[in-house]
Protein backbone atom coordinates (compact mmCIF):
# COMPACT_ATOMS: atom_id res chain seq x y z
CA UNK A 1 60.84 112.14 166.91
CA UNK A 2 64.16 111.85 167.70
CA UNK A 3 66.08 115.74 167.30
CA UNK A 4 67.36 116.26 164.12
CA UNK A 5 70.93 116.75 162.90
CA UNK A 6 71.42 119.98 162.25
CA UNK A 7 72.50 118.94 158.43
CA UNK A 8 68.77 117.15 158.37
CA UNK A 9 67.38 120.66 159.10
CA UNK A 10 69.66 122.53 156.66
CA UNK A 11 68.34 120.16 154.06
CA UNK A 12 65.01 120.32 155.01
CA UNK A 13 65.04 124.06 154.41
CA UNK A 14 66.32 124.06 151.28
CA UNK A 15 64.11 121.71 150.30
CA UNK A 16 61.16 124.12 151.02
CA UNK A 17 62.45 126.69 149.34
CA UNK A 18 62.93 125.25 146.26
CA UNK A 19 59.15 123.89 146.74
CA UNK A 20 57.89 127.01 146.38
CA UNK A 21 59.56 127.97 142.98
CA UNK A 22 58.62 124.27 141.36
CA UNK A 23 54.88 124.84 142.82
CA UNK A 24 54.87 128.35 141.10
CA UNK A 25 56.17 126.92 137.92
CA UNK A 26 53.77 124.14 138.40
CA UNK A 27 51.29 126.57 138.19
CA UNK A 28 52.24 127.95 134.88
CA UNK A 29 53.88 124.39 133.09
CA UNK A 30 53.15 125.77 129.58
CA UNK A 31 55.22 128.65 129.83
CA UNK A 32 58.38 126.71 130.52
CA UNK A 33 61.36 126.39 128.65
CA UNK A 34 61.94 122.63 128.12
CA UNK A 35 64.57 120.52 126.33
CA UNK A 36 65.62 116.82 126.05
CA UNK A 37 69.13 114.67 127.32
CA UNK A 38 67.76 111.66 126.10
CA UNK A 39 64.85 109.29 125.35
CA UNK A 40 61.66 110.13 127.71
CA UNK A 41 64.17 112.01 129.27
CA UNK A 42 62.92 115.68 129.87
CA UNK A 43 64.90 118.92 131.39
CA UNK A 44 63.08 121.79 132.19
CA UNK A 45 63.85 125.53 133.79
CA UNK A 46 61.86 124.44 136.61
CA UNK A 47 64.49 122.04 137.32
CA UNK A 48 67.29 124.36 136.89
CA UNK A 49 65.69 126.82 139.08
CA UNK A 50 65.11 124.12 142.12
CA UNK A 51 68.56 123.05 141.92
CA UNK A 52 70.34 126.30 141.92
CA UNK A 53 68.40 127.32 145.15
CA UNK A 54 69.03 124.25 147.01
CA UNK A 55 72.40 124.68 145.59
CA UNK A 56 73.26 127.89 147.02
CA UNK A 57 71.32 127.20 150.18
CA UNK A 58 73.08 124.43 151.09
CA UNK A 59 76.26 126.17 149.86
CA UNK A 60 75.90 129.07 152.58
CA UNK A 61 75.33 126.76 155.13
CA UNK A 62 77.78 123.94 154.82
CA UNK A 63 80.56 125.89 152.25
CA UNK A 64 82.77 123.35 152.81
CA UNK A 65 80.32 119.98 151.17
CA UNK A 66 80.74 118.77 148.07
CA UNK A 67 77.91 118.34 145.68
CA UNK A 68 76.50 115.53 143.06
CA UNK A 69 73.46 117.23 141.55
CA UNK A 70 71.37 116.04 138.91
CA UNK A 71 71.67 118.97 136.63
CA UNK A 72 75.27 120.64 137.15
CA UNK A 73 76.68 117.15 137.87
CA UNK A 74 80.01 117.10 140.68
CA UNK A 75 80.87 120.16 142.82
CA UNK A 76 84.00 119.44 144.91
CA UNK A 77 84.18 121.52 148.26
CA UNK A 78 86.90 121.48 150.74
CA UNK A 79 85.38 118.30 152.18
CA UNK A 80 85.31 115.52 149.42
CA UNK A 81 83.85 112.68 151.66
CA UNK A 82 80.38 114.96 152.68
CA UNK A 83 78.45 115.19 149.70
CA UNK A 84 75.11 116.26 149.23
CA UNK A 85 73.53 114.35 146.42
CA UNK A 86 70.38 116.27 144.67
CA UNK A 87 67.70 115.96 142.66
CA UNK A 88 65.68 119.00 142.21
CA UNK A 89 62.94 117.44 140.42
CA UNK A 90 62.17 113.82 140.33
CA UNK A 91 59.19 112.76 138.10
CA UNK A 92 59.92 115.52 135.45
CA UNK A 93 57.43 113.87 133.30
CA UNK A 94 54.89 114.19 134.92
CA UNK A 95 55.30 117.70 136.18
CA UNK A 96 55.35 118.58 132.64
CA UNK A 97 51.94 116.90 132.06
CA UNK A 98 50.24 118.44 135.19
CA UNK A 99 49.98 115.30 137.13
CA UNK A 100 51.14 115.89 140.51
CA UNK A 101 53.24 112.83 141.57
CA UNK A 102 56.95 114.39 141.64
CA UNK A 103 59.15 115.67 144.72
CA UNK A 104 62.60 117.09 145.59
CA UNK A 105 64.77 114.73 146.86
CA UNK A 106 68.03 115.68 148.78
CA UNK A 107 70.54 113.07 150.53
CA UNK A 108 73.71 113.52 152.86
CA UNK A 109 76.63 111.09 152.06
CA UNK A 110 79.51 110.95 153.97
CA UNK A 111 82.45 108.54 153.57
CA UNK A 112 80.43 106.42 151.01
CA UNK A 113 77.24 106.34 153.23
CA UNK A 114 74.01 107.83 153.27
CA UNK A 115 73.44 109.54 156.78
CA UNK A 116 70.79 111.88 156.10
CA UNK A 117 67.86 112.13 153.60
CA UNK A 118 64.75 113.71 152.62
CA UNK A 119 62.18 113.75 150.16
CA UNK A 120 59.50 115.96 149.81
CA UNK A 121 56.28 115.98 148.05
CA UNK A 122 55.10 119.87 147.82
CA UNK A 123 51.77 119.10 145.99
CA UNK A 124 50.53 116.73 149.15
CA UNK A 125 53.05 119.06 151.33
CA UNK A 126 54.42 115.41 152.44
CA UNK A 127 58.55 115.92 154.17
CA UNK A 128 59.89 112.63 154.52
CA UNK A 129 62.89 112.72 156.79
CA UNK A 130 65.34 110.87 158.48
CA UNK A 131 68.55 110.64 160.12
CA UNK A 132 70.76 107.00 159.62
CA UNK A 133 70.07 105.20 163.27
CA UNK A 134 66.95 107.14 163.92
CA UNK A 135 63.86 106.25 162.26
CA UNK A 136 62.36 107.45 159.15
CA UNK A 137 59.13 110.65 159.77
CA UNK A 138 56.62 112.09 157.45
CA UNK A 139 55.91 115.47 158.01
CA UNK A 140 57.98 115.41 161.76
CA UNK A 141 54.28 113.72 162.65
CA UNK A 142 54.56 110.15 162.20
CA UNK A 143 56.89 107.31 162.23
CA UNK A 144 57.16 105.68 158.70
CA UNK A 145 57.07 102.05 158.84
CA UNK A 146 57.00 99.45 155.81
CA UNK A 147 54.12 97.30 155.16
CA UNK A 148 53.51 93.74 157.27
CA UNK A 149 52.19 92.17 154.05
CA UNK A 150 54.16 88.54 153.72
CA UNK A 151 51.89 87.34 150.44
CA UNK A 152 53.23 88.61 146.62
CA UNK A 153 49.82 88.19 145.77
CA UNK A 154 48.30 90.87 147.82
CA UNK A 155 51.48 93.48 147.10
CA UNK A 156 51.10 96.88 145.35
CA UNK A 157 53.83 96.47 143.25
CA UNK A 158 55.59 99.53 141.58
CA UNK A 159 58.76 100.07 139.39
CA UNK A 160 60.15 99.56 136.00
CA UNK A 161 63.31 99.82 134.16
CA UNK A 162 63.85 102.19 130.52
CA UNK A 163 61.71 100.10 128.28
CA UNK A 164 62.46 101.87 125.54
CA UNK A 165 65.86 100.97 125.30
CA UNK A 166 66.00 98.34 122.50
CA UNK A 167 68.13 95.85 124.80
CA UNK A 168 65.79 95.97 127.73
CA UNK A 169 62.31 95.75 126.25
CA UNK A 170 61.88 91.98 126.10
CA UNK A 171 63.30 91.20 129.61
CA UNK A 172 61.40 94.22 130.73
CA UNK A 173 58.07 92.01 129.17
CA UNK A 174 59.01 88.75 130.37
CA UNK A 175 59.33 90.45 134.34
CA UNK A 176 55.68 91.64 133.69
CA UNK A 177 54.74 88.69 132.39
CA UNK A 178 55.99 86.97 135.82
CA UNK A 179 53.87 89.02 137.83
CA UNK A 180 50.78 89.33 135.53
CA UNK A 181 50.37 85.28 135.89
CA UNK A 182 50.38 85.60 139.37
CA UNK A 183 48.21 88.08 139.45
CA UNK A 184 50.23 90.51 141.02
CA UNK A 185 49.18 94.75 141.00
CA UNK A 186 51.44 96.57 138.92
CA UNK A 187 52.07 99.92 138.46
CA UNK A 188 54.92 102.44 137.68
CA UNK A 189 54.33 106.04 139.12
CA UNK A 190 57.53 108.10 137.43
CA UNK A 191 59.22 109.51 140.64
CA UNK A 192 61.78 107.26 141.74
CA UNK A 193 62.76 109.08 145.22
CA UNK A 194 58.76 109.46 145.96
CA UNK A 195 57.81 105.45 145.37
CA UNK A 196 60.97 104.64 147.39
CA UNK A 197 59.05 107.00 150.37
CA UNK A 198 55.90 105.36 149.66
CA UNK A 199 57.85 101.88 150.29
CA UNK A 200 58.75 103.61 153.66
CA UNK A 201 55.62 104.99 154.20
CA UNK A 202 53.72 101.11 153.37
CA UNK A 203 52.13 102.17 150.79
CA UNK A 204 53.71 100.29 148.26
CA UNK A 205 54.54 96.98 149.02
CA UNK A 206 57.68 95.96 146.52
CA UNK A 207 59.58 97.90 144.61
CA UNK A 208 62.31 97.22 141.59
CA UNK A 209 63.99 100.09 139.20
CA UNK A 210 66.62 99.49 136.60
CA UNK A 211 68.86 102.24 135.05
CA UNK A 212 68.66 105.06 137.57
CA UNK A 213 71.21 107.52 138.73
CA UNK A 214 72.63 108.07 142.14
CA UNK A 215 70.21 110.96 142.91
CA UNK A 216 67.43 109.27 142.22
CA UNK A 217 67.99 106.11 145.11
CA UNK A 218 70.52 108.33 147.69
CA UNK A 219 67.32 109.36 149.52
CA UNK A 220 64.49 107.13 148.96
CA UNK A 221 66.79 104.46 150.07
CA UNK A 222 68.02 105.23 153.01
CA UNK A 223 64.51 106.15 154.16
CA UNK A 224 63.42 102.49 153.58
CA UNK A 225 65.72 101.06 155.27
CA UNK A 226 65.21 103.52 158.15
CA UNK A 227 61.39 102.22 158.19
CA UNK A 228 62.18 98.68 158.84
CA UNK A 229 62.14 97.41 155.15
CA UNK A 230 65.35 95.97 153.18
CA UNK A 231 67.08 97.37 149.46
CA UNK A 232 69.75 95.62 147.68
CA UNK A 233 71.48 95.83 144.58
CA UNK A 234 70.29 93.54 141.63
CA UNK A 235 73.45 94.10 139.83
CA UNK A 236 76.95 92.29 140.19
CA UNK A 237 78.56 95.36 139.12
CA UNK A 238 77.90 97.08 142.54
CA UNK A 239 76.74 96.25 145.70
CA UNK A 240 76.06 99.70 146.75
CA UNK A 241 72.63 100.92 145.61
CA UNK A 242 72.92 104.05 145.73
CA UNK A 243 75.25 103.28 142.99
CA UNK A 244 73.74 100.19 141.01
CA UNK A 245 71.90 100.01 137.71
CA UNK A 246 69.40 98.00 139.59
CA UNK A 247 67.71 97.66 142.84
CA UNK A 248 64.90 96.02 144.59
CA UNK A 249 63.25 97.47 148.00
CA UNK A 250 60.87 96.05 150.11
CA UNK A 251 59.78 94.92 153.22
CA UNK A 252 61.83 92.02 154.79
CA UNK A 253 59.27 89.49 154.28
CA UNK A 254 59.19 89.28 150.86
CA UNK A 255 62.37 89.77 150.06
CA UNK A 256 63.38 87.24 148.57
CA UNK A 257 60.17 86.51 146.59
CA UNK A 258 59.79 89.33 144.57
CA UNK A 259 63.46 88.83 143.99
CA UNK A 260 63.00 85.96 141.93
CA UNK A 261 60.41 88.21 139.88
CA UNK A 262 62.68 90.66 138.75
CA UNK A 263 66.32 89.60 139.12
CA UNK A 264 69.09 90.76 136.18
CA UNK A 265 69.90 88.04 134.04
């Protein structure tokens, strides 16, 4: 494994520290205070505690950097071109229901480009990390590679969209019917950053998502690219997948084929 940058090491330490708080809360999930932000969108005391830990750890190490966080929004420092993009708990609904598929996601964006990424799954103790240009790795041992599958009918497809939004329901069902007609295996695990990490690891072959936020996509997107995969925007409004409204992530062989199934009309 290449030598990690100092910034990536700081991000890893912040994720590890926050994970200890989240694991304690996960063990006592029935006692958490929970509030609702929107349709099927919840925030818990666990999210807020974890975000505070990550912010304080990163702020102490990099006091000049800026932040973009799920719960606290944008916090500008002296250096507005270096931005930590943080989701302290991706997969909150899974977490609140005792399902061990959730993660911490931290990305570092510099001058509009993501340059370092951490996606940590505390339940499996898997740390997915990368610096741009140096490849992606899991738990400091194994280099990540996207899958080599070339046929959609052999692929495991994961993703989705907020189908509870009235205008999206019909288009979502059209996409699912397209996949079903080709006998393609479809899943939705409910934690975008971790799902993207699984694409990077070759466990998921193709992924799409509509209606997400930058903190959902930034770290996982870089992991996929550093593992040899392809990530593109499906939205005409923004070509940068981090700030897009819809993306797909696959190996390069499946990309065009998969795009025909899930393209946004």
